C-alpha cells in the first residue's frame, strides 16, 4: 500500500524519532509512506474565526499536492492523506471539512491560488491509527516478535485526536482506539483518568509553570494506575510530558519520572526492529531500564 504522507514540521526536527519509527514499522505491515512533494506547514492550529479564510490556504495547498501525486502516478488512486502528528491531523482535517462544506470559500481559495491545480475537495485526511484500525489491528499482532505482555502502558490522547467530535478519530468521551492498538501489540492498556486531559499545549512557551503543574498531575496519574510508560501521538504533548519532567523534578523533588514514547516507537520495539528505528536518543526520559526489565529479559 502506497499512501500520501504529510510529515509536518516537528517530525523533521524535534520529533524525528516519531517519523523514523513510524516509517520503519509501517514497512513491516506492507505500508509505504510516500512523502508529499513540496509540502508546507499545516498552519499548526485551525483558525476558529469565520472570516479568516487565509489560514486555510496552507492546508488546501497540501491537498493539491495529493492530487498531483495521483496525476503523476506517485500513488495509484489514493487520495487519502496520512498524518502522524495529532495537531497536523486536527488542523488539516478541520480545514478540509470547512472548504468541503463551503463551496464559495473553496472557490475563493482556488481563485487565490490560480497557479495551482484546482482543489475539488476529494482528498481525505486520516490519522495513522485510523489506517491501522482499518486494515485490522490483528495484522499487527501477527508481526509481534517481542512480547509486551508484561508492559503496562498508559495511552495519552490529549486534545487534538478526539476533539472536536466532528474530526475526532474516536468517541471524545470514551475513546478506545489507542487501547485496542496497545492490546494488538500484546501490551496491557492502563485505565487512568488523565488520558484526555490537556497538557498545556503552547503555554509551555510563555507560562511554563502551568504546563509543569499539568504534567505533574498527568504523569502521577499514570504512575498511580500502574503504568510503566506513556504513549502519545503528539510532538507537543511529548515535549510537555517528557522534556518538562526535568522542570517537574525541580518543583517536586519526590516525583518519580516515567518514559513517554510515541506509539510508533512501541510498534518498532514489538516488531523486533533495529534499535536505530527506536530513536531513543531524542527521548528525554530513556525507556531502556523499563524495557530491559519488562520486555528484553
Protein backbone atom coordinates (compact mmCIF):
# COMPACT_ATOMS: atom_id res chain seq x y z
CA UNK A 1 0.00 0.00 0.00
CA UNK A 2 1.42 3.35 -1.08
CA UNK A 3 -0.21 6.30 0.63
CA UNK A 4 0.50 10.08 0.52
CA UNK A 5 2.19 11.05 3.75
CA UNK A 6 2.21 14.51 5.30
CA UNK A 7 5.05 14.69 7.87
CA UNK A 8 4.68 18.21 9.21
CA UNK A 9 7.45 20.32 10.71
CA UNK A 10 8.11 18.62 14.06
CA UNK A 11 8.71 15.21 12.53
CA UNK A 12 11.61 16.64 10.57
CA UNK A 13 13.18 18.27 13.64
CA UNK A 14 12.43 17.56 17.31
CA UNK A 15 10.24 14.51 16.64
CA UNK A 16 12.42 12.61 14.16
CA UNK A 17 12.06 9.56 16.40
CA UNK A 18 8.32 9.64 15.65
CA UNK A 19 8.86 9.58 11.89
CA UNK A 20 11.72 7.06 11.85
CA UNK A 21 9.86 4.54 13.99
CA UNK A 22 6.62 5.05 12.03
CA UNK A 23 8.12 4.54 8.58
CA UNK A 24 10.15 1.51 9.69
CA UNK A 25 7.26 -0.24 11.44
CA UNK A 26 4.82 0.57 8.62
CA UNK A 27 7.02 -1.29 6.14
CA UNK A 28 6.60 -4.43 8.26
CA UNK A 29 2.87 -4.15 7.58
CA UNK A 30 3.36 -3.52 3.87
CA UNK A 31 2.55 0.19 4.13
CA UNK A 32 4.73 2.62 2.19
CA UNK A 33 4.61 6.26 3.30
CA UNK A 34 5.11 8.36 0.17
CA UNK A 35 6.08 11.82 1.36
CA UNK A 36 4.14 14.61 -0.29
CA UNK A 37 6.43 16.68 -2.56
CA UNK A 38 6.77 20.37 -1.68
CA UNK A 39 4.57 20.08 1.38
CA UNK A 40 4.25 23.13 3.57
CA UNK A 41 3.41 23.68 7.24
CA UNK A 42 -0.22 22.86 8.03
CA UNK A 43 -0.58 26.10 9.98
CA UNK A 44 -0.30 24.30 13.34
CA UNK A 45 -3.73 25.26 14.67
CA UNK A 46 -7.02 25.67 12.84
CA UNK A 47 -8.46 29.17 12.73
CA UNK A 48 -11.80 29.42 14.52
CA UNK A 49 -12.72 32.78 13.01
CA UNK A 50 -15.46 32.57 10.39
CA UNK A 51 -13.97 35.37 8.27
CA UNK A 52 -10.36 34.15 8.40
CA UNK A 53 -10.03 32.27 5.13
CA UNK A 54 -6.32 32.95 4.61
CA UNK A 55 -5.30 30.50 7.33
CA UNK A 56 -6.87 27.66 5.33
CA UNK A 57 -4.69 28.23 2.27
CA UNK A 58 -1.77 26.24 3.66
CA UNK A 59 -3.81 23.07 4.28
CA UNK A 60 -5.52 23.29 0.88
CA UNK A 61 -2.18 23.67 -0.87
CA UNK A 62 -1.15 20.35 0.67
CA UNK A 63 -4.36 18.73 -0.57
CA UNK A 64 -3.50 19.92 -4.06
CA UNK A 65 -0.16 18.13 -3.75
CA UNK A 66 -2.03 14.86 -3.13
CA UNK A 67 -3.99 15.38 -6.34
CA UNK A 68 -0.71 15.99 -8.18
CA UNK A 69 0.73 12.77 -6.74
CA UNK A 70 -2.16 10.82 -8.24
CA UNK A 71 -1.84 12.64 -11.53
CA UNK A 72 1.88 11.84 -11.84
CA UNK A 73 1.35 8.24 -10.65
CA UNK A 74 3.43 8.62 -7.50
CA UNK A 75 0.44 6.84 -5.96
CA UNK A 76 -2.38 4.99 -7.67
CA UNK A 77 -5.93 6.17 -6.94
CA UNK A 78 -5.04 7.07 -3.36
CA UNK A 79 -6.45 10.40 -2.27
CA UNK A 80 -6.09 9.80 1.43
CA UNK A 81 -3.53 11.99 3.18
CA UNK A 82 -1.88 10.19 6.08
CA UNK A 83 -0.72 12.09 9.16
CA UNK A 84 1.14 11.06 12.30
CA UNK A 85 1.11 14.26 14.35
CA UNK A 86 -2.25 14.74 16.05
CA UNK A 87 -2.01 18.53 15.73
CA UNK A 88 -1.37 18.32 11.99
CA UNK A 89 -4.23 15.86 11.69
CA UNK A 90 -6.61 18.17 13.55
CA UNK A 91 -5.63 21.28 11.59
CA UNK A 92 -5.75 19.62 8.18
CA UNK A 93 -8.97 17.75 8.88
CA UNK A 94 -10.82 20.84 10.07
CA UNK A 95 -9.70 22.95 7.12
CA UNK A 96 -10.69 20.20 4.72
CA UNK A 97 -14.14 19.91 6.25
CA UNK A 98 -14.62 23.66 6.10
CA UNK A 99 -13.85 24.04 2.41
CA UNK A 100 -15.83 20.93 1.51
CA UNK A 101 -18.87 22.32 3.30
CA UNK A 102 -18.46 25.84 1.90
CA UNK A 103 -18.19 25.82 -1.92
CA UNK A 104 -17.93 29.61 -2.11
CA UNK A 105 -14.93 29.61 0.23
CA UNK A 106 -13.29 26.82 -1.74
CA UNK A 107 -13.81 28.82 -4.93
CA UNK A 108 -12.20 31.85 -3.31
CA UNK A 109 -9.18 29.78 -2.26
CA UNK A 110 -8.83 28.24 -5.71
CA UNK A 111 -9.05 31.71 -7.29
CA UNK A 112 -6.37 32.98 -4.94
CA UNK A 113 -4.10 30.03 -5.78
CA UNK A 114 -4.76 30.34 -9.51
CA UNK A 115 -1.33 28.99 -10.41
CA UNK A 116 -2.05 25.73 -8.59
CA UNK A 117 -4.20 22.85 -9.71
CA UNK A 118 -7.77 23.43 -8.59
CA UNK A 119 -8.75 21.61 -5.42
CA UNK A 120 -12.01 19.70 -5.77
CA UNK A 121 -12.48 18.57 -2.18
CA UNK A 122 -11.71 14.93 -2.95
CA UNK A 123 -8.84 14.39 -0.51
CA UNK A 124 -9.48 12.64 2.81
CA UNK A 125 -7.30 13.34 5.85
CA UNK A 126 -6.68 10.32 8.06
CA UNK A 127 -4.53 9.56 11.08
CA UNK A 128 -2.22 6.55 11.13
CA UNK A 129 -4.19 4.96 13.97
CA UNK A 130 -7.28 5.06 11.75
CA UNK A 131 -5.42 3.31 8.95
CA UNK A 132 -4.18 0.62 11.33
CA UNK A 133 -7.72 0.13 12.60
CA UNK A 134 -8.99 -0.07 9.01
CA UNK A 135 -6.56 -2.79 7.93
CA UNK A 136 -7.14 -4.59 11.21
CA UNK A 137 -5.13 -4.37 14.42
CA UNK A 138 -4.82 -8.16 14.23
CA UNK A 139 -2.36 -7.60 11.38
CA UNK A 140 -0.02 -6.04 13.93
CA UNK A 141 -0.38 -8.92 16.36
CA UNK A 142 0.85 -11.32 13.69
CA UNK A 143 4.06 -9.26 13.34
CA UNK A 144 4.92 -9.09 17.05
CA UNK A 145 8.33 -10.59 17.79
CA UNK A 146 8.96 -9.04 21.19
CA UNK A 147 6.04 -9.68 23.52
CA UNK A 148 4.89 -6.66 25.52
CA UNK A 149 2.63 -8.70 27.80
CA UNK A 150 4.45 -7.56 30.94
CA UNK A 151 4.35 -3.89 29.94
CA UNK A 152 1.65 -1.64 31.41
CA UNK A 153 1.09 1.28 29.05
CA UNK A 154 -0.97 4.44 29.53
CA UNK A 155 -2.39 5.76 26.24
CA UNK A 156 -2.45 9.55 26.25
CA UNK A 157 -4.94 11.01 23.77
CA UNK A 158 -4.63 14.66 24.73
CA UNK A 159 -6.94 17.10 22.95
CA UNK A 160 -6.42 17.02 19.21
CA UNK A 161 -7.05 13.36 18.36
CA UNK A 162 -10.60 13.27 19.68
CA UNK A 163 -11.85 16.88 19.72
CA UNK A 164 -13.98 18.33 18.30
CA UNK A 165 -16.15 15.29 17.71
CA UNK A 166 -16.60 16.24 14.03
CA UNK A 167 -12.96 15.40 13.35
CA UNK A 168 -12.07 13.08 16.23
CA UNK A 169 -10.77 9.63 15.39
CA UNK A 170 -12.84 8.12 18.20
CA UNK A 171 -15.52 8.96 20.74
CA UNK A 172 -14.48 12.10 22.62
CA UNK A 173 -15.82 10.87 25.96
CA UNK A 174 -14.87 7.19 25.88
CA UNK A 175 -12.14 6.68 23.28
CA UNK A 176 -10.71 3.19 22.94
CA UNK A 177 -8.78 3.08 19.67
CA UNK A 178 -5.44 3.59 21.44
CA UNK A 179 -6.23 0.81 23.89
CA UNK A 180 -7.12 -1.53 21.00
CA UNK A 181 -3.81 -0.64 19.41
CA UNK A 182 -1.90 -1.46 22.58
CA UNK A 183 -3.72 -4.75 23.08
CA UNK A 184 -2.89 -5.74 19.49
CA UNK A 185 0.79 -5.19 20.31
CA UNK A 186 0.26 -7.51 23.33
CA UNK A 187 0.80 -4.66 25.82
CA UNK A 188 -1.52 -4.08 28.78
CA UNK A 189 -3.52 -0.84 28.45
CA UNK A 190 -3.81 1.06 31.72
CA UNK A 191 -7.14 2.50 32.85
CA UNK A 192 -6.45 6.02 34.08
CA UNK A 193 -8.20 9.36 34.47
CA UNK A 194 -5.85 11.81 32.76
CA UNK A 195 -5.68 10.32 29.27
CA UNK A 196 -7.83 13.12 27.78
CA UNK A 197 -6.52 15.95 29.96
CA UNK A 198 -4.79 18.88 28.23
CA UNK A 199 -1.00 19.04 28.68
CA UNK A 200 -0.99 22.83 28.46
CA UNK A 201 -0.07 22.99 24.79
CA UNK A 202 1.71 26.23 23.82
CA UNK A 203 1.63 27.61 27.34
CA UNK A 204 4.97 25.80 27.56
CA UNK A 205 6.42 28.84 25.74
CA UNK A 206 5.17 31.72 27.90
CA UNK A 207 3.73 30.12 31.05
CA UNK A 208 5.88 27.11 31.79
CA UNK A 209 4.69 26.77 35.39
CA UNK A 210 1.17 25.94 34.24
CA UNK A 211 2.49 23.18 31.99
CA UNK A 212 4.70 21.83 34.78
CA UNK A 213 1.70 21.56 37.11
CA UNK A 214 -0.44 19.92 34.43
CA UNK A 215 2.33 17.47 33.52
CA UNK A 216 2.84 16.61 37.18
CA UNK A 217 -0.83 15.69 37.52
CA UNK A 218 -0.95 13.68 34.28
CA UNK A 219 2.28 11.78 34.89
CA UNK A 220 1.42 11.00 38.50
CA UNK A 221 -1.99 9.68 37.47
CA UNK A 222 -0.32 7.30 35.04
CA UNK A 223 2.09 6.11 37.72
CA UNK A 224 -0.66 5.78 40.31
CA UNK A 225 -2.58 3.48 38.00
CA UNK A 226 0.39 1.21 37.40
CA UNK A 227 1.79 2.48 34.09
CA UNK A 228 5.37 1.62 33.18
CA UNK A 229 5.34 4.18 30.38
CA UNK A 230 3.06 6.51 28.40
CA UNK A 231 2.48 6.63 24.64
CA UNK A 232 1.23 9.60 22.64
CA UNK A 233 0.75 10.80 19.06
CA UNK A 234 1.52 14.48 19.57
CA UNK A 235 5.02 16.04 19.48
CA UNK A 236 3.92 18.96 21.65
CA UNK A 237 2.34 16.63 24.20
CA UNK A 238 5.51 14.55 24.10
CA UNK A 239 7.62 17.62 24.86
CA UNK A 240 5.40 18.76 27.71
CA UNK A 241 5.16 15.31 29.28
CA UNK A 242 8.70 14.11 28.56
CA UNK A 243 11.15 17.01 28.42
CA UNK A 244 9.31 19.01 31.06
CA UNK A 245 9.89 16.25 33.60
CA UNK A 246 13.17 17.95 34.47
CA UNK A 247 11.15 21.01 35.49
CA UNK A 248 8.65 18.85 37.37
CA UNK A 249 11.54 17.39 39.36
CA UNK A 250 12.80 20.87 40.23
CA UNK A 251 9.40 21.74 41.69
CA UNK A 252 8.60 18.30 43.13
CA UNK A 253 11.83 16.53 44.21
CA UNK A 254 9.89 13.41 45.23
CA UNK A 255 8.48 12.98 41.71
CA UNK A 256 9.27 9.66 40.00
CA UNK A 257 9.97 10.00 36.29
CA UNK A 258 8.22 7.88 33.67
CA UNK A 259 9.17 7.34 30.00
CA UNK A 260 6.96 8.90 27.31
CA UNK A 261 7.13 7.31 23.85
CA UNK A 262 5.45 7.80 20.51
CA UNK A 263 3.09 4.94 19.78
CA UNK A 264 5.15 4.07 16.70
CA UNK A 265 8.25 3.57 18.85
CA UNK A 266 6.35 0.89 20.71
CA UNK A 267 5.45 -0.69 17.35
CA UNK A 268 9.12 -0.79 16.35
CA UNK A 269 10.02 -2.45 19.65
CA UNK A 270 7.25 -5.06 19.36
CA UNK A 271 8.14 -5.82 15.74
CA UNK A 272 11.73 -6.53 16.73
CA UNK A 273 13.25 -3.83 14.53
CA UNK A 274 16.79 -2.49 14.75
CA UNK A 275 17.42 -0.13 17.67
CA UNK A 276 18.10 2.67 15.18
CA UNK A 277 14.37 2.58 14.43
CA UNK A 278 13.54 3.31 18.07
CA UNK A 279 15.07 6.80 18.11
CA UNK A 280 15.51 6.78 21.89
CA UNK A 281 18.27 9.39 21.64
CA UNK A 282 15.54 12.03 21.26
CA UNK A 283 13.57 10.85 24.30
CA UNK A 284 14.42 12.83 27.43
CA UNK A 285 13.44 10.07 29.88
CA UNK A 286 15.00 6.93 28.44
CA UNK A 287 12.85 3.78 28.49
CA UNK A 288 15.79 1.36 28.39
CA UNK A 289 15.59 0.21 32.02
CA UNK A 290 11.86 -0.41 31.85
CA UNK A 291 12.17 -2.30 28.58
CA UNK A 292 15.07 -4.36 29.89
CA UNK A 293 13.00 -5.39 32.89
CA UNK A 294 9.65 -5.92 31.13
CA UNK A 295 10.45 -6.83 27.51
CA UNK A 296 14.09 -7.70 26.81
CA UNK A 297 14.62 -10.10 29.71
